Amino acid sequence: MNSKFIYKICTINEWHQAKKKGQFNGTKKDTEDGFIHFSNKEQLNGTLNKFFFQKNNLILLKVNATNLEKLVYEKSSDGEKFPHLYEPLDISNVIAEHKVELNKNGCHKVPLEIL
């Protein structure tokens, strides 16, 4: 299940704040849950639809997972395994950032570079 790359969706503002600090401590939801939520490439559309429907100003971070020591794949409520990081994300592990476009129907387009 482990992938070389995992993906984080957050707001552009959250990402700018992380870049200033040199690390990403997660979103409000991540902080509440005690870990940073990630998705693999195949899970992105589902994550966008479930948690970010009709939300704008999002960025998708492509993260090199090979150096993340406290990365664990855990089952969600639907039984699917998702990557969870139990430490702050050093931004040096982010290898690409992509703005996520919102369609008129409220859904998002995953950037073609990811697919």
C-alpha atoms as a PDB file:
ATOM      1  CA  MET A   1       0.000   0.000   0.000  1.00  0.00           C
ATOM      2  CA  ASN A   2       2.895   2.337   0.642  1.00  0.00           C
ATOM      3  CA  SER A   3       3.420   4.819  -2.159  1.00  0.00           C
ATOM      4  CA  LYS A   4       6.448   6.917  -2.989  1.00  0.00           C
ATOM      5  CA  PHE A   5       4.178   9.960  -3.256  1.00  0.00           C
ATOM      6  CA  ILE A   6       1.229  11.048  -1.147  1.00  0.00           C
ATOM      7  CA  TYR A   7      -0.938  14.136  -1.471  1.00  0.00           C
ATOM      8  CA  LYS A   8      -2.212  16.818   0.893  1.00  0.00           C
ATOM      9  CA  ILE A   9      -5.072  19.196   0.169  1.00  0.00           C
ATOM     10  CA  CYS A  10      -5.138  22.442   2.109  1.00  0.00           C
ATOM     11  CA  THR A  11      -5.967  26.087   1.592  1.00  0.00           C
ATOM     12  CA  ILE A  12      -3.500  28.348  -0.146  1.00  0.00           C
ATOM     13  CA  ASN A  13      -3.282  30.417   3.045  1.00  0.00           C
ATOM     14  CA  GLU A  14      -2.451  27.359   5.175  1.00  0.00           C
ATOM     15  CA  TRP A  15       0.310  26.468   2.722  1.00  0.00           C
ATOM     16  CA  HIS A  16       1.763  29.999   2.707  1.00  0.00           C
ATOM     17  CA  GLN A  17       1.885  29.954   6.522  1.00  0.00           C
ATOM     18  CA  ALA A  18       3.659  26.578   6.481  1.00  0.00           C
ATOM     19  CA  LYS A  19       6.233  27.822   3.989  1.00  0.00           C
ATOM     20  CA  LYS A  20       7.061  30.725   6.305  1.00  0.00           C
ATOM     21  CA  LYS A  21       7.623  28.288   9.208  1.00  0.00           C
ATOM     22  CA  GLY A  22       9.428  25.632   7.178  1.00  0.00           C
ATOM     23  CA  GLN A  23       6.974  22.975   8.286  1.00  0.00           C
ATOM     24  CA  PHE A  24       3.312  22.129   7.935  1.00  0.00           C
ATOM     25  CA  ASN A  25       1.593  21.245  11.204  1.00  0.00           C
ATOM     26  CA  GLY A  26      -1.693  20.407   9.521  1.00  0.00           C
ATOM     27  CA  THR A  27      -5.114  21.914   9.113  1.00  0.00           C
ATOM     28  CA  LYS A  28      -7.612  22.468  11.917  1.00  0.00           C
ATOM     29  CA  LYS A  29      -9.053  18.980  11.224  1.00  0.00           C
ATOM     30  CA  ASP A  30      -5.558  17.447  11.321  1.00  0.00           C
ATOM     31  CA  THR A  31      -4.826  19.097  14.664  1.00  0.00           C
ATOM     32  CA  GLU A  32      -8.129  17.851  16.100  1.00  0.00           C
ATOM     33  CA  ASP A  33      -7.402  14.282  14.935  1.00  0.00           C
ATOM     34  CA  GLY A  34      -3.759  14.241  16.091  1.00  0.00           C
ATOM     35  CA  PHE A  35      -2.199  13.535  12.686  1.00  0.00           C
ATOM     36  CA  ILE A  36      -1.949  15.021   9.196  1.00  0.00           C
ATOM     37  CA  HIS A  37      -4.372  13.454   6.727  1.00  0.00           C
ATOM     38  CA  PHE A  38      -3.038  12.526   3.292  1.00  0.00           C
ATOM     39  CA  SER A  39      -4.405  10.673   0.273  1.00  0.00           C
ATOM     40  CA  ASN A  40      -2.800   8.548  -2.382  1.00  0.00           C
ATOM     41  CA  LYS A  41      -3.379   9.456  -6.030  1.00  0.00           C
ATOM     42  CA  GLU A  42      -6.386   7.148  -6.397  1.00  0.00           C
ATOM     43  CA  GLN A  43      -8.074   8.643  -3.314  1.00  0.00           C
ATOM     44  CA  LEU A  44      -7.832  12.307  -4.351  1.00  0.00           C
ATOM     45  CA  ASN A  45     -11.188  12.683  -6.093  1.00  0.00           C
ATOM     46  CA  GLY A  46     -13.018  11.035  -3.208  1.00  0.00           C
ATOM     47  CA  THR A  47     -11.248  13.224  -0.651  1.00  0.00           C
ATOM     48  CA  LEU A  48     -12.003  16.382  -2.622  1.00  0.00           C
ATOM     49  CA  ASN A  49     -15.684  15.472  -2.988  1.00  0.00           C
ATOM     50  CA  LYS A  50     -16.156  14.407   0.632  1.00  0.00           C
ATOM     51  CA  PHE A  51     -14.251  17.129   2.486  1.00  0.00           C
ATOM     52  CA  PHE A  52     -13.789  20.037   0.065  1.00  0.00           C
ATOM     53  CA  PHE A  53     -16.953  20.153  -2.061  1.00  0.00           C
ATOM     54  CA  GLN A  54     -17.576  23.734  -3.273  1.00  0.00           C
ATOM     55  CA  LYS A  55     -14.512  25.034  -1.395  1.00  0.00           C
ATOM     56  CA  ASN A  56     -12.212  27.394  -3.227  1.00  0.00           C
ATOM     57  CA  ASN A  57      -8.574  28.536  -2.853  1.00  0.00           C
ATOM     58  CA  LEU A  58      -7.198  25.039  -2.458  1.00  0.00           C
ATOM     59  CA  ILE A  59      -3.762  23.730  -3.200  1.00  0.00           C
ATOM     60  CA  LEU A  60      -2.660  20.149  -3.745  1.00  0.00           C
ATOM     61  CA  LEU A  61       0.763  19.226  -2.412  1.00  0.00           C
ATOM     62  CA  LYS A  62       2.672  16.288  -3.848  1.00  0.00           C
ATOM     63  CA  VAL A  63       4.830  14.886  -1.070  1.00  0.00           C
ATOM     64  CA  ASN A  64       7.789  12.515  -1.230  1.00  0.00           C
ATOM     65  CA  ALA A  65       6.794   9.927   1.378  1.00  0.00           C
ATOM     66  CA  THR A  66      10.099   8.042   1.503  1.00  0.00           C
ATOM     67  CA  ASN A  67      11.627  10.257   4.222  1.00  0.00           C
ATOM     68  CA  LEU A  68       8.574  10.459   6.483  1.00  0.00           C
ATOM     69  CA  GLU A  69       9.426   8.413   9.561  1.00  0.00           C
ATOM     70  CA  LYS A  70       6.050   8.585  11.295  1.00  0.00           C
ATOM     71  CA  LEU A  71       3.833   7.841   8.286  1.00  0.00           C
ATOM     72  CA  VAL A  72       1.231   5.154   8.972  1.00  0.00           C
ATOM     73  CA  TYR A  73      -1.425   3.705   6.665  1.00  0.00           C
ATOM     74  CA  GLU A  74      -4.627   3.318   8.666  1.00  0.00           C
ATOM     75  CA  LYS A  75      -8.173   2.257   7.886  1.00  0.00           C
ATOM     76  CA  SER A  76     -10.803   4.969   7.694  1.00  0.00           C
ATOM     77  CA  SER A  77     -14.450   4.516   8.649  1.00  0.00           C
ATOM     78  CA  ASP A  78     -15.157   3.013   5.205  1.00  0.00           C
ATOM     79  CA  GLY A  79     -12.331   0.460   5.571  1.00  0.00           C
ATOM     80  CA  GLU A  80     -10.003   2.086   3.031  1.00  0.00           C
ATOM     81  CA  LYS A  81      -6.402   2.697   4.135  1.00  0.00           C
ATOM     82  CA  PHE A  82      -5.180   6.299   4.116  1.00  0.00           C
ATOM     83  CA  PRO A  83      -1.719   7.706   4.870  1.00  0.00           C
ATOM     84  CA  HIS A  84      -1.524   9.580   8.192  1.00  0.00           C
ATOM     85  CA  LEU A  85       1.544  11.483   9.374  1.00  0.00           C
ATOM     86  CA  TYR A  86       2.152  11.668  13.120  1.00  0.00           C
ATOM     87  CA  GLU A  87       4.696  14.488  12.993  1.00  0.00           C
ATOM     88  CA  PRO A  88       4.930  17.905  11.339  1.00  0.00           C
ATOM     89  CA  LEU A  89       5.659  17.783   7.621  1.00  0.00           C
ATOM     90  CA  ASP A  90       9.005  19.350   6.752  1.00  0.00           C
ATOM     91  CA  ILE A  91       8.222  21.343   3.619  1.00  0.00           C
ATOM     92  CA  SER A  92      11.418  20.088   1.953  1.00  0.00           C
ATOM     93  CA  ASN A  93       9.435  16.873   1.320  1.00  0.00           C
ATOM     94  CA  VAL A  94       6.911  18.749  -0.846  1.00  0.00           C
ATOM     95  CA  ILE A  95       8.098  18.272  -4.419  1.00  0.00           C
ATOM     96  CA  ALA A  96       5.220  20.004  -6.242  1.00  0.00           C
ATOM     97  CA  GLU A  97       2.272  22.250  -5.541  1.00  0.00           C
ATOM     98  CA  HIS A  98      -0.782  22.547  -7.771  1.00  0.00           C
ATOM     99  CA  LYS A  99      -3.718  24.931  -7.523  1.00  0.00           C
ATOM    100  CA  VAL A 100      -6.983  22.990  -7.484  1.00  0.00           C
ATOM    101  CA  GLU A 101      -9.620  24.441  -9.797  1.00  0.00           C
ATOM    102  CA  LEU A 102     -13.284  24.453  -8.803  1.00  0.00           C
ATOM    103  CA  ASN A 103     -15.765  23.516 -11.521  1.00  0.00           C
ATOM    104  CA  LYS A 104     -19.154  25.213 -11.850  1.00  0.00           C
ATOM    105  CA  ASN A 105     -20.835  22.114 -10.372  1.00  0.00           C
ATOM    106  CA  GLY A 106     -18.894  22.471  -7.098  1.00  0.00           C
ATOM    107  CA  CYS A 107     -16.486  19.619  -7.821  1.00  0.00           C
ATOM    108  CA  HIS A 108     -12.765  20.004  -8.335  1.00  0.00           C
ATOM    109  CA  LYS A 109     -10.474  19.071 -11.177  1.00  0.00           C
ATOM    110  CA  VAL A 110      -7.420  17.107 -10.110  1.00  0.00           C
ATOM    111  CA  PRO A 111      -4.496  18.665 -11.973  1.00  0.00           C
ATOM    112  CA  LEU A 112      -3.527  16.649 -15.041  1.00  0.00           C
ATOM    113  CA  GLU A 113       0.119  16.545 -13.879  1.00  0.00           C
ATOM    114  CA  ILE A 114      -1.004  14.276 -11.035  1.00  0.00           C
ATOM    115  CA  LEU A 115      -2.907  11.765 -13.159  1.00  0.00           C
END
